[in-house]
Amino acid sequence: MDIDIPEIVAEVEAAFATYEQALVTNDVPTLERLFHDAATTIRYGIGENLYGMDEIRAFRRGRSPLNLTRTLEKTVITTYGRDFATASTLFRRGPGAAGRQMQTWVRFCDGWKVVAAHVSVIPDSLG
């Protein structure tokens, strides 16, 4: 298996950048489009465990659009072959805490989609 094929890495980087822009601007339709629409898609958030796209969709649509700006650090995107990737990043929204985000991306016929995601926050001294 080829790891980090440059053109595949570029594709996932572009999908990740689209996701990040949609996240900080609360572009819910784009966020929903970038998650695989299936009961098997999971998102563990800071304060919620979401099983299936219906729960993820409800969370996104009910979330406050305020204070979503953040900065990213140490983003690592790794591709495995041409259809599977992981994206990991640290983020900060303010002092005192470091956020962590991991996503599993899979290429489907309609593009790259997140099939699993985890978001958590730890004390800044650990980040």
C-alpha atoms as a PDB file:
ATOM      1  CA  MET A   1       0.000   0.000   0.000  1.00  0.00           C
ATOM      2  CA  ASP A   2       1.231   3.453  -0.874  1.00  0.00           C
ATOM      3  CA  ILE A   3       1.186   5.968   1.958  1.00  0.00           C
ATOM      4  CA  ASP A   4       0.937   9.701   1.293  1.00  0.00           C
ATOM      5  CA  ILE A   5       0.582   9.735  -2.496  1.00  0.00           C
ATOM      6  CA  PRO A   6       1.050  13.479  -3.128  1.00  0.00           C
ATOM      7  CA  GLU A   7      -2.079  14.041  -5.246  1.00  0.00           C
ATOM      8  CA  ILE A   8      -4.233  12.094  -2.769  1.00  0.00           C
ATOM      9  CA  VAL A   9      -2.822  14.064   0.165  1.00  0.00           C
ATOM     10  CA  ALA A  10      -3.691  17.257  -1.747  1.00  0.00           C
ATOM     11  CA  GLU A  11      -7.278  16.054  -2.244  1.00  0.00           C
ATOM     12  CA  VAL A  12      -7.753  15.320   1.454  1.00  0.00           C
ATOM     13  CA  GLU A  13      -6.076  18.593   2.444  1.00  0.00           C
ATOM     14  CA  ALA A  14      -8.588  20.410   0.229  1.00  0.00           C
ATOM     15  CA  ALA A  15     -11.529  18.508   1.760  1.00  0.00           C
ATOM     16  CA  PHE A  16     -10.179  19.211   5.259  1.00  0.00           C
ATOM     17  CA  ALA A  17      -9.798  22.933   4.443  1.00  0.00           C
ATOM     18  CA  THR A  18     -13.374  23.024   3.148  1.00  0.00           C
ATOM     19  CA  TYR A  19     -14.545  21.363   6.356  1.00  0.00           C
ATOM     20  CA  GLU A  20     -12.616  23.833   8.535  1.00  0.00           C
ATOM     21  CA  GLN A  21     -14.008  26.845   6.669  1.00  0.00           C
ATOM     22  CA  ALA A  22     -17.539  25.443   6.945  1.00  0.00           C
ATOM     23  CA  LEU A  23     -17.031  24.775  10.658  1.00  0.00           C
ATOM     24  CA  VAL A  24     -15.917  28.281  11.601  1.00  0.00           C
ATOM     25  CA  THR A  25     -18.615  29.928   9.439  1.00  0.00           C
ATOM     26  CA  ASN A  26     -21.354  27.504  10.581  1.00  0.00           C
ATOM     27  CA  ASP A  27     -22.030  26.411   6.993  1.00  0.00           C
ATOM     28  CA  VAL A  28     -24.255  23.510   8.051  1.00  0.00           C
ATOM     29  CA  PRO A  29     -25.092  22.225   4.528  1.00  0.00           C
ATOM     30  CA  THR A  30     -21.389  21.866   3.725  1.00  0.00           C
ATOM     31  CA  LEU A  31     -20.648  20.223   7.084  1.00  0.00           C
ATOM     32  CA  GLU A  32     -23.443  17.731   6.453  1.00  0.00           C
ATOM     33  CA  ARG A  33     -22.222  17.070   2.897  1.00  0.00           C
ATOM     34  CA  LEU A  34     -18.722  16.255   4.173  1.00  0.00           C
ATOM     35  CA  PHE A  35     -19.941  13.552   6.571  1.00  0.00           C
ATOM     36  CA  HIS A  36     -20.941  10.159   5.179  1.00  0.00           C
ATOM     37  CA  ASP A  37     -24.734   9.977   5.376  1.00  0.00           C
ATOM     38  CA  ALA A  38     -25.070   6.631   7.138  1.00  0.00           C
ATOM     39  CA  ALA A  39     -26.111   5.104  10.446  1.00  0.00           C
ATOM     40  CA  THR A  40     -22.511   3.869  10.821  1.00  0.00           C
ATOM     41  CA  THR A  41     -20.989   7.373  10.889  1.00  0.00           C
ATOM     42  CA  ILE A  42     -19.911   8.405  14.401  1.00  0.00           C
ATOM     43  CA  ARG A  43     -18.871  11.733  15.889  1.00  0.00           C
ATOM     44  CA  TYR A  44     -17.664  11.934  19.479  1.00  0.00           C
ATOM     45  CA  GLY A  45     -17.758  15.603  20.439  1.00  0.00           C
ATOM     46  CA  ILE A  46     -16.673  17.595  23.447  1.00  0.00           C
ATOM     47  CA  GLY A  47     -20.042  17.146  25.121  1.00  0.00           C
ATOM     48  CA  GLU A  48     -21.914  14.662  22.967  1.00  0.00           C
ATOM     49  CA  ASN A  49     -21.700  11.184  21.470  1.00  0.00           C
ATOM     50  CA  LEU A  50     -23.427  11.084  18.100  1.00  0.00           C
ATOM     51  CA  TYR A  51     -24.261   7.792  16.437  1.00  0.00           C
ATOM     52  CA  GLY A  52     -25.376   8.021  12.832  1.00  0.00           C
ATOM     53  CA  MET A  53     -25.853  10.916  10.480  1.00  0.00           C
ATOM     54  CA  ASP A  54     -29.320  11.725  11.830  1.00  0.00           C
ATOM     55  CA  GLU A  55     -27.842  12.563  15.254  1.00  0.00           C
ATOM     56  CA  ILE A  56     -24.928  14.444  13.680  1.00  0.00           C
ATOM     57  CA  ARG A  57     -27.330  16.420  11.497  1.00  0.00           C
ATOM     58  CA  ALA A  58     -29.531  17.328  14.487  1.00  0.00           C
ATOM     59  CA  PHE A  59     -26.470  18.463  16.463  1.00  0.00           C
ATOM     60  CA  ARG A  60     -25.164  20.635  13.616  1.00  0.00           C
ATOM     61  CA  ARG A  61     -28.547  22.242  13.028  1.00  0.00           C
ATOM     62  CA  GLY A  62     -29.043  23.020  16.718  1.00  0.00           C
ATOM     63  CA  ARG A  63     -25.556  24.297  17.492  1.00  0.00           C
ATOM     64  CA  SER A  64     -24.953  27.959  18.299  1.00  0.00           C
ATOM     65  CA  PRO A  65     -23.182  29.791  15.466  1.00  0.00           C
ATOM     66  CA  LEU A  66     -21.288  32.018  17.935  1.00  0.00           C
ATOM     67  CA  ASN A  67     -17.616  31.802  18.933  1.00  0.00           C
ATOM     68  CA  LEU A  68     -16.597  29.186  16.368  1.00  0.00           C
ATOM     69  CA  THR A  69     -13.321  30.839  15.314  1.00  0.00           C
ATOM     70  CA  ARG A  70     -10.258  28.814  16.167  1.00  0.00           C
ATOM     71  CA  THR A  71      -6.638  28.387  15.173  1.00  0.00           C
ATOM     72  CA  LEU A  72      -5.142  25.082  14.105  1.00  0.00           C
ATOM     73  CA  GLU A  73      -1.744  23.667  15.017  1.00  0.00           C
ATOM     74  CA  LYS A  74       0.174  20.541  14.081  1.00  0.00           C
ATOM     75  CA  THR A  75      -2.307  19.320  11.492  1.00  0.00           C
ATOM     76  CA  VAL A  76      -1.272  15.921  10.145  1.00  0.00           C
ATOM     77  CA  ILE A  77      -3.019  14.331   7.180  1.00  0.00           C
ATOM     78  CA  THR A  78      -1.988  10.821   6.229  1.00  0.00           C
ATOM     79  CA  THR A  79      -3.383   8.887   3.289  1.00  0.00           C
ATOM     80  CA  TYR A  80      -3.371   5.131   2.877  1.00  0.00           C
ATOM     81  CA  GLY A  81      -3.754   4.123  -0.730  1.00  0.00           C
ATOM     82  CA  ARG A  82      -6.151   6.243  -2.763  1.00  0.00           C
ATOM     83  CA  ASP A  83      -9.351   5.978  -0.745  1.00  0.00           C
ATOM     84  CA  PHE A  84      -8.584   6.208   2.998  1.00  0.00           C
ATOM     85  CA  ALA A  85      -7.088   8.964   5.146  1.00  0.00           C
ATOM     86  CA  THR A  86      -6.808  10.334   8.657  1.00  0.00           C
ATOM     87  CA  ALA A  87      -6.670  13.986   9.670  1.00  0.00           C
ATOM     88  CA  SER A  88      -5.485  15.033  13.120  1.00  0.00           C
ATOM     89  CA  THR A  89      -5.126  18.557  14.427  1.00  0.00           C
ATOM     90  CA  LEU A  90      -4.831  20.600  17.586  1.00  0.00           C
ATOM     91  CA  PHE A  91      -7.007  23.695  17.862  1.00  0.00           C
ATOM     92  CA  ARG A  92      -7.342  26.656  20.176  1.00  0.00           C
ATOM     93  CA  ARG A  93     -10.307  28.905  20.825  1.00  0.00           C
ATOM     94  CA  GLY A  94      -8.844  30.739  23.783  1.00  0.00           C
ATOM     95  CA  PRO A  95      -6.407  30.348  26.651  1.00  0.00           C
ATOM     96  CA  GLY A  96      -6.484  27.460  29.065  1.00  0.00           C
ATOM     97  CA  ALA A  97      -7.435  24.565  26.851  1.00  0.00           C
ATOM     98  CA  ALA A  98      -6.188  22.737  23.781  1.00  0.00           C
ATOM     99  CA  GLY A  99      -8.671  21.020  21.527  1.00  0.00           C
ATOM    100  CA  ARG A 100      -7.918  17.819  19.641  1.00  0.00           C
ATOM    101  CA  GLN A 101      -9.705  16.653  16.528  1.00  0.00           C
ATOM    102  CA  MET A 102      -9.279  13.403  14.633  1.00  0.00           C
ATOM    103  CA  GLN A 103     -11.191  12.409  11.539  1.00  0.00           C
ATOM    104  CA  THR A 104     -11.268   9.301   9.394  1.00  0.00           C
ATOM    105  CA  TRP A 105     -11.923  10.131   5.733  1.00  0.00           C
ATOM    106  CA  VAL A 106     -13.006   7.695   3.013  1.00  0.00           C
ATOM    107  CA  ARG A 107     -13.374   8.379  -0.700  1.00  0.00           C
ATOM    108  CA  PHE A 108     -16.864   7.555  -1.963  1.00  0.00           C
ATOM    109  CA  CYS A 109     -18.214   7.963  -5.490  1.00  0.00           C
ATOM    110  CA  ASP A 110     -19.355  11.484  -4.545  1.00  0.00           C
ATOM    111  CA  GLY A 111     -16.073  12.521  -2.911  1.00  0.00           C
ATOM    112  CA  TRP A 112     -14.202  12.437   0.376  1.00  0.00           C
ATOM    113  CA  LYS A 113     -16.378  11.995   3.477  1.00  0.00           C
ATOM    114  CA  VAL A 114     -15.764  11.786   7.215  1.00  0.00           C
ATOM    115  CA  VAL A 115     -16.901   8.401   8.560  1.00  0.00           C
ATOM    116  CA  ALA A 116     -15.645   8.862  12.129  1.00  0.00           C
ATOM    117  CA  ALA A 117     -14.608  11.897  14.152  1.00  0.00           C
ATOM    118  CA  HIS A 118     -13.453  12.617  17.680  1.00  0.00           C
ATOM    119  CA  VAL A 119     -13.169  16.048  19.313  1.00  0.00           C
ATOM    120  CA  SER A 120     -11.903  16.576  22.841  1.00  0.00           C
ATOM    121  CA  VAL A 121     -10.355  19.287  24.997  1.00  0.00           C
ATOM    122  CA  ILE A 122      -7.501  18.944  27.467  1.00  0.00           C
ATOM    123  CA  PRO A 123      -5.707  21.442  29.732  1.00  0.00           C
ATOM    124  CA  ASP A 124      -3.440  23.709  27.704  1.00  0.00           C
ATOM    125  CA  SER A 125      -0.363  22.505  29.599  1.00  0.00           C
ATOM    126  CA  LEU A 126      -0.834  19.060  27.987  1.00  0.00           C
ATOM    127  CA  GLY A 127      -1.433  20.311  24.438  1.00  0.00           C
END
